[in-house]
Amino acid sequence: MGTLGLDTERGLFLGIDFGTTNSVVSIYNFQSGEAETIPIDGSNIFPTAIQFESDPEDESKLSRIFGVQAKEAAIIYPLSTVLSIKRYLGSDAKLTVNVDDKDYQFTPEQIAGEILGHLKQKADEYAQEEMGITGEFSGCVITVPANSTDKQKKMTKEAAVLAGFDPESIYLRLEPAAAAISYAVNETSDKKVLVYDFGGGTFDACVLEVKIEEAGEPTISIISTYGDNNLGGNDIDKIIMDMVYEEFKKLTNEEIDLFDENVDDGVSKRQKKVALVRLQQAATQAKERLSQTKATKITLAPLIQEPRIVNINMEITREQFLTHQRVNALGDSPAIFEKFQGKSVTDLIGETLTCVDHCLEAGGLTEADIDEVFLVGGSSSILYVSEQISERFKKEPFKSRISPALSISQGAAHYCNMIMMPTVKGPVVHEKTIHPLGLEIAGRRFMEIVPSGIDIPKEGLTIDATEPLVTNFDNITSMAIVVYENTVPRSLDKPQQVSQEGMKRLAGTSLRGIPQGTRGQEKVKVIFHVGQDNMLKVTARSLSTDGVVTELSVDELY
């Protein structure tokens, strides 16, 4: 790829893997011709955490602490600390933090924006002080799970704007595709690659085809994707927490409920919050140790001190770690707990492999068609994962010189290189639509307009609905335009309903001012436009002489 001079006409771009548990940022170094991870606060891996406290100079304002310090502060100040904010992106829920007995509310994108802003500031300082690059990062490439909804992507973009990035210079790219670039930069032959991405909050399986062009540069095409946006390393942590909580229940004769702040069991709300944060952090550390050793100890002495001291001192073997079946809700909603009740780590990893099966099926492939398996995400380091992959595909997972935790961010940095230096050759990813998109029509049926797996050109993909919508009643003057995403594609031979599992309502608006007429007389043309970041815009136009038009930006209306 060679040594290159930096053209800063479009500004500097930062590659960001914004993760549920940890985040990583990287930049393309034009001197070395390689992607480099930027240490934030002294470490390549930055905990995605923020803690609020009163500003000592102005009590009406809040100051912020980020990363490792915030994660550690959660033990002492759980009410003013936010962890795993990525799991809230796509939700309308507001988060409440309590500082000095005062409540403050934030939207998920505001919290994410604060953390991204800190990453940007630290990256700016590093680039200027350590790399001798003037200016700041005005643009960014942020990676998102392959199965992200439009709403999640929209809120991620909003967070980046709040962080100080130029709205016109924010690009979203799929995590598996970014990871594949990290793999493909050193590849010399055509291959089909399965990216197994097991992160803190999500799991994605993605099959990519890597082809080496005549110039020796790889091009990457996404063949198929499949995943679960509610399955990740955090859920494995919960199984270890469940083991420890079972021990706690024995020691307290089940007289204390750490997850119910309102029950009068002699333990204060604050002490319960502190205990749960310590329990969660101990579980995460135990999971990491069990990836390397056959047993580990968990010591929480004391876990609580009132109404009496309760010490936890237990050993967990790798076998127990893999086979323990979860029995406690641990604060999860009934719907989430139903998904994980009775499940073991072995079961959860089995579910990731089921996603892999669906991904292969969607691409019309078998295990024998896969040349390499590339493990990505911190939870991929669990030994049982590589054992199951080896057994399933009859080959060892690809051994990268890049840590699984860093590969996505460094792949995003290669995207940055292509944006800043568009004439430079390098890995190219042919973007495709991920899920079918369409409209709700009469009878609550789903009319697919944009199929999955369609190439998205640089200028975006525009598709007209094959049939116009028609008025269902006499003399109506408006028509509802409701957009859905089918996250669990099924055979098109059977009618599909928008009420089916996997159908997600993205947005809705009304086309108003339709000329009055008899039923079926007025027709409405609908056009879908998908950008390279898989963001969607929908145009609906009345076809009569006196027709009207409305445009629905799905990334703006919810």
Protein backbone atom coordinates (compact mmCIF):
# COMPACT_ATOMS: atom_id res chain seq x y z
CA MET A 1 0.00 0.00 0.00
CA GLY A 2 3.10 2.17 0.25
CA THR A 3 4.06 5.37 2.01
CA LEU A 4 1.59 8.11 1.23
CA GLY A 5 1.35 11.84 1.70
CA LEU A 6 -1.70 12.97 3.66
CA ASP A 7 -4.28 14.99 1.76
CA THR A 8 -6.33 16.74 4.45
CA GLU A 9 -8.76 18.48 2.09
CA ARG A 10 -11.64 16.48 3.54
CA GLY A 11 -10.21 16.60 7.05
CA LEU A 12 -9.05 13.74 9.22
CA PHE A 13 -11.25 10.68 9.66
CA LEU A 14 -11.27 8.44 12.73
CA GLY A 15 -12.23 4.75 12.67
CA ILE A 16 -14.42 3.92 15.67
CA ASP A 17 -15.59 0.55 16.95
CA PHE A 18 -18.22 1.79 19.40
CA GLY A 19 -18.91 -1.30 21.47
CA THR A 20 -21.37 -2.26 24.17
CA THR A 21 -18.63 -3.04 26.69
CA ASN A 22 -15.50 -1.52 25.15
CA SER A 23 -14.66 0.86 22.33
CA VAL A 24 -11.57 1.12 20.13
CA VAL A 25 -10.41 3.93 17.82
CA SER A 26 -7.91 3.71 14.98
CA ILE A 27 -6.39 5.91 12.30
CA TYR A 28 -4.81 5.09 8.98
CA ASN A 29 -1.12 6.04 9.21
CA PHE A 30 -0.08 7.36 5.83
CA GLN A 31 3.60 7.11 6.67
CA SER A 32 3.58 3.40 7.45
CA GLY A 33 0.70 2.56 5.12
CA GLU A 34 -1.07 0.69 7.92
CA ALA A 35 -3.97 1.13 10.30
CA GLU A 36 -2.96 1.92 13.88
CA THR A 37 -5.00 1.80 17.06
CA ILE A 38 -4.85 4.99 19.12
CA PRO A 39 -4.47 4.46 22.87
CA ILE A 40 -7.13 6.34 24.83
CA ASP A 41 -6.11 7.19 28.38
CA GLY A 42 -3.16 4.83 27.96
CA SER A 43 -4.99 1.75 26.68
CA ASN A 44 -6.04 0.44 23.24
CA ILE A 45 -9.30 -0.86 24.72
CA PHE A 46 -11.52 1.81 26.25
CA PRO A 47 -14.45 0.84 28.52
CA THR A 48 -17.65 2.34 27.10
CA ALA A 49 -18.56 4.00 30.39
CA ILE A 50 -19.36 7.46 31.74
CA GLN A 51 -19.83 8.76 35.28
CA PHE A 52 -21.35 12.12 36.19
CA GLU A 53 -20.48 14.24 39.22
CA SER A 54 -21.09 17.78 40.40
CA ASP A 55 -18.75 20.38 38.95
CA PRO A 56 -16.67 21.67 41.89
CA GLU A 57 -16.60 25.15 40.34
CA ASP A 58 -20.30 25.33 39.53
CA GLU A 59 -22.75 23.07 41.39
CA SER A 60 -25.45 23.72 38.78
CA LYS A 61 -23.34 21.90 36.20
CA LEU A 62 -22.14 18.32 35.83
CA SER A 63 -18.63 17.13 35.08
CA ARG A 64 -17.82 13.82 33.44
CA ILE A 65 -15.44 10.92 34.01
CA PHE A 66 -14.89 8.36 31.24
CA GLY A 67 -13.49 4.92 30.56
CA VAL A 68 -11.62 2.92 33.20
CA GLN A 69 -12.18 5.53 35.90
CA ALA A 70 -15.91 5.59 35.21
CA LYS A 71 -16.11 1.80 35.21
CA GLU A 72 -14.33 1.68 38.55
CA ALA A 73 -16.43 4.55 39.90
CA ALA A 74 -19.55 2.50 39.18
CA ILE A 75 -18.70 0.39 42.23
CA ILE A 76 -18.92 3.44 44.51
CA TYR A 77 -21.32 5.62 42.52
CA PRO A 78 -23.64 3.25 40.65
CA LEU A 79 -26.50 5.76 40.43
CA SER A 80 -24.41 8.30 38.51
CA THR A 81 -22.66 5.86 36.15
CA VAL A 82 -23.90 4.55 32.80
CA LEU A 83 -22.55 1.33 31.29
CA SER A 84 -23.47 -0.55 28.06
CA ILE A 85 -25.15 2.47 26.47
CA LYS A 86 -25.06 0.80 23.03
CA ARG A 87 -27.85 -1.55 24.11
CA TYR A 88 -30.12 1.47 24.55
CA LEU A 89 -29.50 2.93 21.09
CA GLY A 90 -32.66 2.35 19.09
CA SER A 91 -34.81 2.76 22.20
CA ASP A 92 -36.98 5.73 23.17
CA ALA A 93 -36.25 5.15 26.86
CA LYS A 94 -34.55 7.93 28.79
CA LEU A 95 -31.78 7.18 31.25
CA THR A 96 -31.79 8.70 34.71
CA VAL A 97 -28.59 9.41 36.61
CA ASN A 98 -28.58 10.60 40.20
CA VAL A 99 -25.88 13.02 41.36
CA ASP A 100 -25.97 14.35 44.93
CA ASP A 101 -29.61 13.26 45.28
CA LYS A 102 -30.65 15.12 42.12
CA ASP A 103 -32.02 13.27 39.08
CA TYR A 104 -30.89 14.13 35.56
CA GLN A 105 -32.34 12.57 32.42
CA PHE A 106 -30.52 11.86 29.18
CA THR A 107 -31.46 10.24 25.89
CA PRO A 108 -29.31 7.28 24.78
CA GLU A 109 -27.79 9.31 21.95
CA GLN A 110 -26.81 12.08 24.38
CA ILE A 111 -24.90 9.60 26.56
CA ALA A 112 -23.32 7.96 23.51
CA GLY A 113 -22.42 11.42 22.19
CA GLU A 114 -20.63 12.29 25.43
CA ILE A 115 -18.50 9.14 25.20
CA LEU A 116 -17.78 9.59 21.48
CA GLY A 117 -16.84 13.21 22.19
CA HIS A 118 -14.26 12.06 24.74
CA LEU A 119 -12.85 9.56 22.24
CA LYS A 120 -12.62 12.31 19.62
CA GLN A 121 -10.88 14.72 22.00
CA LYS A 122 -8.29 12.14 23.09
CA ALA A 123 -7.69 11.05 19.48
CA ASP A 124 -7.20 14.69 18.44
CA GLU A 125 -4.60 15.15 21.18
CA TYR A 126 -2.78 11.93 20.27
CA ALA A 127 -2.66 12.75 16.55
CA GLN A 128 -1.28 16.21 17.24
CA GLU A 129 1.18 15.36 20.02
CA GLU A 130 2.38 11.86 19.07
CA MET A 131 1.92 11.71 15.28
CA GLY A 132 2.67 15.34 14.43
CA ILE A 133 -0.58 15.75 12.48
CA THR A 134 -2.19 19.18 12.56
CA GLY A 135 -5.94 19.64 12.67
CA GLU A 136 -8.59 17.49 14.27
CA PHE A 137 -10.86 14.59 13.36
CA SER A 138 -13.79 16.23 11.62
CA GLY A 139 -15.08 12.96 10.17
CA CYS A 140 -15.46 9.39 11.33
CA VAL A 141 -16.35 5.88 10.25
CA ILE A 142 -18.37 4.20 13.01
CA THR A 143 -19.07 0.49 12.78
CA VAL A 144 -22.49 -0.96 13.61
CA PRO A 145 -23.74 -4.55 13.93
CA ALA A 146 -24.82 -6.14 10.64
CA ASN A 147 -28.36 -6.55 11.97
CA SER A 148 -28.78 -2.99 13.22
CA THR A 149 -32.14 -1.42 12.57
CA ASP A 150 -32.44 1.93 10.82
CA LYS A 151 -33.38 3.49 14.16
CA GLN A 152 -30.21 2.22 15.84
CA LYS A 153 -28.12 3.58 12.97
CA LYS A 154 -29.93 6.90 13.05
CA MET A 155 -29.29 7.33 16.79
CA THR A 156 -25.64 6.36 16.33
CA LYS A 157 -25.29 9.14 13.75
CA GLU A 158 -26.99 11.62 16.07
CA ALA A 159 -24.53 10.68 18.82
CA ALA A 160 -21.61 11.34 16.46
CA VAL A 161 -23.01 14.77 15.61
CA LEU A 162 -23.33 15.57 19.33
CA ALA A 163 -19.70 14.44 19.75
CA GLY A 164 -18.56 17.20 17.39
CA PHE A 165 -18.13 15.37 14.08
CA ASP A 166 -19.24 17.07 10.85
CA PRO A 167 -22.74 15.74 10.01
CA GLU A 168 -21.72 15.38 6.35
CA SER A 169 -18.61 13.39 7.26
CA ILE A 170 -20.13 10.64 9.41
CA TYR A 171 -20.13 7.21 7.79
CA LEU A 172 -21.62 4.02 9.18
CA ARG A 173 -20.16 0.69 8.11
CA LEU A 174 -20.98 -2.87 9.13
CA GLU A 175 -18.78 -4.42 11.82
CA PRO A 176 -18.20 -7.73 9.97
CA ALA A 177 -17.22 -5.89 6.79
CA ALA A 178 -14.73 -3.75 8.71
CA ALA A 179 -13.30 -6.86 10.35
CA ALA A 180 -13.02 -8.50 6.93
CA ILE A 181 -10.85 -5.63 5.70
CA SER A 182 -8.45 -6.30 8.58
CA TYR A 183 -8.30 -9.87 7.34
CA ALA A 184 -8.18 -9.11 3.62
CA VAL A 185 -5.32 -6.58 3.56
CA ASN A 186 -2.82 -9.44 3.80
CA GLU A 187 -4.75 -11.96 1.69
CA THR A 188 -3.32 -13.11 -1.63
CA SER A 189 -5.96 -15.52 -2.94
CA ASP A 190 -9.71 -15.68 -3.53
CA LYS A 191 -11.61 -16.99 -0.51
CA LYS A 192 -15.00 -17.18 1.13
CA VAL A 193 -14.70 -16.02 4.74
CA LEU A 194 -17.09 -16.39 7.65
CA VAL A 195 -16.80 -13.53 10.14
CA TYR A 196 -17.94 -14.76 13.56
CA ASP A 197 -18.48 -11.56 15.56
CA PHE A 198 -19.31 -12.16 19.23
CA GLY A 199 -19.25 -8.79 20.94
CA GLY A 200 -20.43 -7.51 24.29
CA GLY A 201 -24.03 -6.88 23.29
CA THR A 202 -24.62 -8.45 19.89
CA PHE A 203 -23.73 -11.43 17.73
CA ASP A 204 -23.31 -11.29 13.95
CA ALA A 205 -22.41 -13.95 11.43
CA CYS A 206 -21.41 -12.68 8.01
CA VAL A 207 -20.12 -14.52 4.94
CA LEU A 208 -17.90 -12.49 2.65
CA GLU A 209 -16.23 -13.27 -0.64
CA VAL A 210 -12.70 -11.93 -0.99
CA LYS A 211 -11.39 -11.65 -4.55
CA ILE A 212 -7.91 -10.51 -5.48
CA GLU A 213 -7.94 -8.23 -8.51
CA GLU A 214 -5.21 -8.03 -11.15
CA ALA A 215 -3.48 -5.22 -9.29
CA GLY A 216 -3.26 -7.48 -6.23
CA GLU A 217 -5.84 -5.50 -4.26
CA PRO A 218 -8.73 -7.35 -2.56
CA THR A 219 -12.40 -6.62 -3.16
CA ILE A 220 -14.91 -7.83 -0.59
CA SER A 221 -18.53 -8.70 -1.27
CA ILE A 222 -21.05 -9.47 1.43
CA ILE A 223 -22.84 -12.71 0.54
CA SER A 224 -25.12 -13.01 3.58
CA THR A 225 -25.56 -11.94 7.19
CA TYR A 226 -27.53 -13.16 10.17
CA GLY A 227 -27.38 -12.22 13.82
CA ASP A 228 -28.99 -11.51 17.15
CA ASN A 229 -28.98 -7.96 18.53
CA ASN A 230 -29.74 -9.28 22.03
CA LEU A 231 -27.05 -11.92 22.45
CA GLY A 232 -23.54 -11.06 23.56
CA GLY A 233 -20.81 -11.33 26.11
CA ASN A 234 -22.93 -9.43 28.62
CA ASP A 235 -25.35 -12.35 28.62
CA ILE A 236 -22.51 -14.77 29.35
CA ASP A 237 -21.51 -12.50 32.24
CA LYS A 238 -25.06 -12.85 33.55
CA ILE A 239 -24.66 -16.63 33.75
CA ILE A 240 -21.58 -16.23 35.97
CA MET A 241 -23.48 -13.63 38.00
CA ASP A 242 -26.24 -16.20 38.37
CA MET A 243 -23.77 -18.72 39.83
CA VAL A 244 -22.51 -16.18 42.34
CA TYR A 245 -26.03 -15.00 43.18
CA GLU A 246 -27.08 -18.56 43.91
CA GLU A 247 -24.24 -18.71 46.46
CA PHE A 248 -25.39 -15.37 47.91
CA LYS A 249 -28.95 -16.70 48.29
CA LYS A 250 -27.66 -19.73 50.20
CA LEU A 251 -25.62 -17.56 52.56
CA THR A 252 -28.60 -15.29 53.26
CA ASN A 253 -31.33 -17.98 53.33
CA GLU A 254 -32.92 -16.07 50.42
CA GLU A 255 -33.94 -13.31 52.82
CA ILE A 256 -32.28 -10.54 50.78
CA ASP A 257 -33.17 -9.56 47.20
CA LEU A 258 -30.44 -7.39 45.69
CA PHE A 259 -32.60 -6.70 42.63
CA ASP A 260 -35.63 -5.32 44.44
CA GLU A 261 -34.89 -1.84 45.76
CA ASN A 262 -38.30 -1.47 47.37
CA VAL A 263 -38.40 -4.56 49.59
CA ASP A 264 -37.57 -3.95 53.26
CA ASP A 265 -34.79 -6.48 53.84
CA GLY A 266 -32.34 -4.25 55.72
CA VAL A 267 -30.16 -3.44 52.70
CA SER A 268 -30.18 0.16 51.42
CA LYS A 269 -30.81 0.96 47.76
CA ARG A 270 -27.31 2.35 47.38
CA GLN A 271 -25.70 -0.74 48.93
CA LYS A 272 -27.68 -2.94 46.53
CA LYS A 273 -26.54 -0.88 43.54
CA VAL A 274 -22.91 -1.10 44.65
CA ALA A 275 -23.18 -4.85 45.22
CA LEU A 276 -24.64 -5.44 41.76
CA VAL A 277 -21.94 -3.41 40.01
CA ARG A 278 -19.25 -5.33 41.88
CA LEU A 279 -20.99 -8.60 41.04
CA GLN A 280 -21.13 -7.71 37.35
CA GLN A 281 -17.48 -6.66 37.20
CA ALA A 282 -16.36 -9.80 39.04
CA ALA A 283 -18.30 -11.91 36.52
CA THR A 284 -16.67 -10.16 33.55
CA GLN A 285 -13.19 -10.67 35.01
CA ALA A 286 -13.93 -14.34 35.74
CA LYS A 287 -15.09 -14.88 32.14
CA GLU A 288 -11.84 -13.41 30.83
CA ARG A 289 -9.71 -15.58 33.16
CA LEU A 290 -11.64 -18.73 32.27
CA SER A 291 -10.70 -18.16 28.62
CA GLN A 292 -7.11 -18.89 29.70
CA THR A 293 -7.34 -21.10 32.80
CA LYS A 294 -9.36 -24.12 33.90
CA ALA A 295 -10.61 -22.51 37.12
CA THR A 296 -10.79 -19.13 38.81
CA LYS A 297 -11.75 -17.72 42.20
CA ILE A 298 -14.30 -15.01 42.86
CA THR A 299 -13.83 -13.16 46.11
CA LEU A 300 -16.21 -10.39 47.17
CA ALA A 301 -15.43 -9.77 50.80
CA PRO A 302 -17.74 -8.31 51.81
CA LEU A 303 -20.43 -8.12 49.14
CA ILE A 304 -22.78 -6.38 51.59
CA GLN A 305 -22.23 -5.15 55.14
CA GLU A 306 -25.75 -4.45 56.35
CA PRO A 307 -27.81 -5.85 57.99
CA ARG A 308 -24.90 -8.27 58.29
CA ILE A 309 -21.64 -8.95 56.53
CA VAL A 310 -21.88 -11.43 53.65
CA ASN A 311 -18.64 -12.62 52.07
CA ILE A 312 -18.45 -14.43 48.74
CA ASN A 313 -15.46 -16.72 48.28
CA MET A 314 -15.95 -19.39 45.64
CA GLU A 315 -14.15 -21.19 42.85
CA ILE A 316 -15.64 -21.65 39.40
CA THR A 317 -14.24 -24.28 37.06
CA ARG A 318 -14.41 -23.99 33.29
CA GLU A 319 -16.82 -26.93 33.27
CA GLN A 320 -19.16 -25.14 35.68
CA PHE A 321 -18.82 -21.98 33.62
CA LEU A 322 -19.94 -23.81 30.49
CA THR A 323 -22.78 -25.87 31.95
CA HIS A 324 -24.45 -23.78 34.68
CA GLN A 325 -28.06 -23.02 33.74
CA ARG A 326 -29.36 -19.59 34.61
CA VAL A 327 -32.24 -19.48 37.11
CA ASN A 328 -32.43 -15.83 38.23
CA ALA A 329 -33.87 -12.83 36.34
CA LEU A 330 -31.01 -10.62 37.62
CA GLY A 331 -32.96 -7.47 36.87
CA ASP A 332 -33.85 -8.41 33.28
CA SER A 333 -37.33 -7.74 31.95
CA PRO A 334 -39.68 -10.75 31.79
CA ALA A 335 -39.26 -10.93 28.01
CA ILE A 336 -35.46 -10.92 28.17
CA PHE A 337 -35.36 -13.39 31.06
CA GLU A 338 -37.65 -15.75 29.19
CA LYS A 339 -35.05 -15.84 26.43
CA PHE A 340 -32.20 -16.77 28.77
CA GLN A 341 -33.89 -18.75 31.55
CA GLY A 342 -32.40 -22.23 31.86
CA LYS A 343 -29.66 -21.43 29.34
CA SER A 344 -25.97 -22.19 29.85
CA VAL A 345 -22.89 -20.71 28.19
CA THR A 346 -22.83 -23.82 26.00
CA ASP A 347 -26.42 -23.07 24.97
CA LEU A 348 -25.64 -19.44 24.13
CA ILE A 349 -22.65 -20.40 22.01
CA GLY A 350 -24.92 -22.98 20.39
CA GLU A 351 -27.31 -20.14 19.52
CA THR A 352 -24.48 -18.26 17.81
CA LEU A 353 -23.82 -21.36 15.74
CA THR A 354 -27.51 -21.50 14.83
CA CYS A 355 -27.12 -17.93 13.53
CA VAL A 356 -24.12 -19.17 11.55
CA ASP A 357 -26.30 -21.94 10.05
CA HIS A 358 -28.95 -19.38 9.02
CA CYS A 359 -26.24 -17.17 7.53
CA LEU A 360 -24.86 -20.04 5.44
CA GLU A 361 -28.37 -21.03 4.38
CA ALA A 362 -29.17 -17.47 3.30
CA GLY A 363 -26.06 -17.50 1.11
CA GLY A 364 -26.80 -20.94 -0.33
CA LEU A 365 -23.58 -22.28 1.21
CA THR A 366 -22.37 -25.15 3.38
CA GLU A 367 -19.49 -25.38 5.85
CA ALA A 368 -17.36 -26.95 3.10
CA ASP A 369 -17.66 -23.74 1.03
CA ILE A 370 -15.99 -21.64 3.75
CA ASP A 371 -12.22 -21.24 3.34
CA GLU A 372 -11.53 -19.29 6.54
CA VAL A 373 -13.33 -18.41 9.77
CA PHE A 374 -12.34 -15.06 11.25
CA LEU A 375 -13.15 -14.62 14.96
CA VAL A 376 -14.04 -11.08 16.06
CA GLY A 377 -15.15 -9.56 19.37
CA GLY A 378 -14.01 -10.13 22.92
CA SER A 379 -16.30 -13.10 23.61
CA SER A 380 -14.77 -14.95 20.65
CA SER A 381 -11.76 -15.52 22.90
CA ILE A 382 -13.71 -18.13 24.91
CA LEU A 383 -11.91 -21.39 24.22
CA TYR A 384 -15.17 -23.30 23.67
CA VAL A 385 -15.94 -21.00 20.72
CA SER A 386 -12.80 -21.91 18.78
CA GLU A 387 -13.30 -25.58 19.66
CA GLN A 388 -16.83 -25.56 18.25
CA ILE A 389 -15.76 -23.64 15.15
CA SER A 390 -12.95 -26.14 14.53
CA GLU A 391 -15.33 -29.06 14.91
CA ARG A 392 -18.00 -27.53 12.70
CA PHE A 393 -15.74 -26.34 9.85
CA LYS A 394 -12.96 -28.94 10.14
CA LYS A 395 -10.36 -26.20 10.32
CA GLU A 396 -8.80 -23.95 12.94
CA PRO A 397 -10.04 -20.32 13.04
CA PHE A 398 -7.80 -17.87 11.23
CA LYS A 399 -4.94 -16.66 13.43
CA SER A 400 -4.65 -12.94 12.90
CA ARG A 401 -1.78 -10.76 14.02
CA ILE A 402 -4.49 -8.33 15.06
CA SER A 403 -6.36 -8.92 18.31
CA PRO A 404 -10.05 -9.81 17.75
CA ALA A 405 -10.86 -6.80 19.92
CA LEU A 406 -8.97 -4.40 17.60
CA SER A 407 -9.75 -5.76 14.14
CA ILE A 408 -13.06 -3.93 13.63
CA SER A 409 -11.64 -0.53 14.49
CA GLN A 410 -8.60 -1.04 12.27
CA GLY A 411 -10.87 -2.12 9.43
CA ALA A 412 -12.83 1.11 9.94
CA ALA A 413 -9.53 3.00 9.66
CA HIS A 414 -9.01 1.47 6.21
CA TYR A 415 -12.41 2.88 5.27
CA CYS A 416 -11.11 6.25 6.47
CA ASN A 417 -8.14 5.88 4.13
CA MET A 418 -10.48 5.34 1.18
CA ILE A 419 -12.48 8.45 2.12
CA MET A 420 -9.47 10.71 2.66
CA MET A 421 -7.53 9.38 -0.34
CA PRO A 422 -10.15 8.11 -2.81
CA THR A 423 -7.58 7.64 -5.61
CA VAL A 424 -5.51 5.25 -3.52
CA LYS A 425 -6.01 1.56 -4.08
CA GLY A 426 -6.84 -0.70 -1.18
CA PRO A 427 -9.49 -3.15 0.04
CA VAL A 428 -12.91 -2.29 -1.34
CA VAL A 429 -16.18 -3.52 0.15
CA HIS A 430 -19.20 -3.86 -2.12
CA GLU A 431 -22.03 -2.82 0.18
CA LYS A 432 -25.33 -4.73 -0.01
CA THR A 433 -28.77 -4.39 1.53
CA ILE A 434 -29.03 -6.45 4.71
CA HIS A 435 -32.76 -6.95 5.32
CA PRO A 436 -35.79 -6.77 3.01
CA LEU A 437 -37.59 -3.43 3.23
CA GLY A 438 -41.17 -2.68 2.29
CA LEU A 439 -44.58 -1.29 3.16
CA GLU A 440 -47.65 -2.30 5.10
CA ILE A 441 -50.58 -2.72 2.72
CA ALA A 442 -54.24 -3.73 3.13
CA GLY A 443 -54.84 -6.61 5.51
CA ARG A 444 -51.65 -5.77 7.42
CA ARG A 445 -49.68 -7.55 4.71
CA PHE A 446 -46.00 -6.84 3.99
CA MET A 447 -45.15 -5.74 0.45
CA GLU A 448 -41.43 -6.23 -0.11
CA ILE A 449 -39.85 -3.49 -2.21
CA VAL A 450 -36.11 -3.76 -1.51
CA PRO A 451 -34.82 -7.37 -1.33
CA SER A 452 -31.85 -8.32 0.81
CA GLY A 453 -28.44 -8.89 -0.76
CA ILE A 454 -28.73 -6.19 -3.46
CA ASP A 455 -25.55 -4.28 -4.33
CA ILE A 456 -25.62 -0.64 -3.23
CA PRO A 457 -23.68 1.60 -5.66
CA LYS A 458 -21.79 4.65 -4.42
CA GLU A 459 -24.65 6.95 -5.42
CA GLY A 460 -27.12 4.76 -3.52
CA LEU A 461 -29.77 2.25 -4.57
CA THR A 462 -33.16 3.45 -5.86
CA ILE A 463 -36.01 0.96 -6.33
CA ASP A 464 -39.61 1.67 -7.37
CA ALA A 465 -42.38 -0.46 -5.93
CA THR A 466 -43.48 -2.87 -8.68
CA GLU A 467 -47.13 -1.97 -8.10
CA PRO A 468 -48.65 1.37 -7.07
CA LEU A 469 -50.71 1.67 -3.92
CA VAL A 470 -54.41 2.33 -4.50
CA THR A 471 -57.10 3.95 -2.38
CA ASN A 472 -59.23 1.44 -0.48
CA PHE A 473 -62.31 3.66 0.05
CA ASP A 474 -64.27 6.32 -1.83
CA ASN A 475 -63.33 9.99 -1.45
CA ILE A 476 -60.36 9.56 0.89
CA THR A 477 -57.83 12.41 0.88
CA SER A 478 -54.88 10.80 2.71
CA MET A 479 -53.04 7.52 2.76
CA ALA A 480 -50.80 6.02 5.47
CA ILE A 481 -47.27 5.17 4.33
CA VAL A 482 -45.79 2.75 6.89
CA VAL A 483 -42.32 1.29 6.35
CA TYR A 484 -41.20 -2.09 7.73
CA GLU A 485 -37.94 -4.00 7.85
CA ASN A 486 -38.09 -7.80 7.72
CA THR A 487 -35.25 -8.96 9.97
CA VAL A 488 -36.21 -12.65 9.68
CA PRO A 489 -36.71 -13.22 5.93
CA ARG A 490 -39.09 -15.97 4.88
CA SER A 491 -40.14 -17.53 1.60
CA LEU A 492 -41.83 -15.01 -0.69
CA ASP A 493 -44.16 -17.78 -1.84
CA LYS A 494 -46.27 -17.24 1.26
CA PRO A 495 -48.07 -14.00 2.18
CA GLN A 496 -46.24 -12.19 4.95
CA GLN A 497 -47.86 -10.13 7.70
CA VAL A 498 -46.29 -7.14 9.40
CA SER A 499 -47.30 -8.72 12.72
CA GLN A 500 -44.95 -11.67 12.16
CA GLU A 501 -41.87 -12.20 14.31
CA GLY A 502 -38.94 -10.23 12.97
CA MET A 503 -40.99 -7.46 11.33
CA LYS A 504 -39.85 -4.07 12.63
CA ARG A 505 -41.78 -0.88 12.02
CA LEU A 506 -39.25 1.75 10.95
CA ALA A 507 -41.39 4.81 10.33
CA GLY A 508 -44.73 6.09 9.21
CA THR A 509 -46.23 9.21 7.67
CA SER A 510 -49.33 10.23 5.73
CA LEU A 511 -49.62 11.32 2.11
CA ARG A 512 -52.19 14.11 2.42
CA GLY A 513 -54.15 16.03 -0.23
CA ILE A 514 -55.03 13.08 -2.45
CA PRO A 515 -57.77 14.15 -4.90
CA GLN A 516 -61.12 12.65 -4.00
CA GLY A 517 -62.41 9.84 -6.17
CA THR A 518 -63.94 6.40 -6.18
CA ARG A 519 -62.21 3.48 -4.51
CA GLY A 520 -59.14 2.36 -6.47
CA GLN A 521 -59.18 5.41 -8.75
CA GLU A 522 -56.21 7.19 -7.17
CA LYS A 523 -52.80 5.50 -7.39
CA VAL A 524 -49.67 6.28 -5.41
CA LYS A 525 -46.14 5.50 -6.58
CA VAL A 526 -43.62 4.62 -3.86
CA ILE A 527 -39.82 4.85 -4.30
CA PHE A 528 -37.21 3.54 -1.86
CA HIS A 529 -33.67 4.94 -1.82
CA VAL A 530 -30.99 3.17 0.24
CA GLY A 531 -27.63 4.86 0.83
CA GLN A 532 -24.31 3.03 1.22
CA ASP A 533 -24.73 3.18 5.00
CA ASN A 534 -28.06 1.31 4.61
CA MET A 535 -30.02 4.40 5.61
CA LEU A 536 -33.39 4.68 3.89
CA LYS A 537 -35.51 7.42 2.32
CA VAL A 538 -38.99 6.80 0.95
CA THR A 539 -40.90 8.96 -1.53
CA ALA A 540 -44.64 8.56 -2.11
CA ARG A 541 -46.25 10.40 -5.04
CA SER A 542 -49.89 10.60 -6.10
CA LEU A 543 -50.08 9.86 -9.83
CA SER A 544 -53.12 12.01 -10.75
CA THR A 545 -52.81 15.33 -12.55
CA ASP A 546 -53.47 17.16 -9.31
CA GLY A 547 -51.35 14.72 -7.35
CA VAL A 548 -49.30 15.43 -4.25
CA VAL A 549 -45.95 14.13 -3.04
CA THR A 550 -44.41 13.38 0.33
CA GLU A 551 -40.90 12.33 1.24
CA LEU A 552 -40.23 10.23 4.31
CA SER A 553 -36.70 10.14 5.69
CA VAL A 554 -36.78 6.98 7.72
CA ASP A 555 -33.61 8.01 9.54
CA GLU A 556 -35.40 11.13 10.82
CA LEU A 557 -38.97 10.10 11.61
CA TYR A 558 -39.90 7.61 14.32
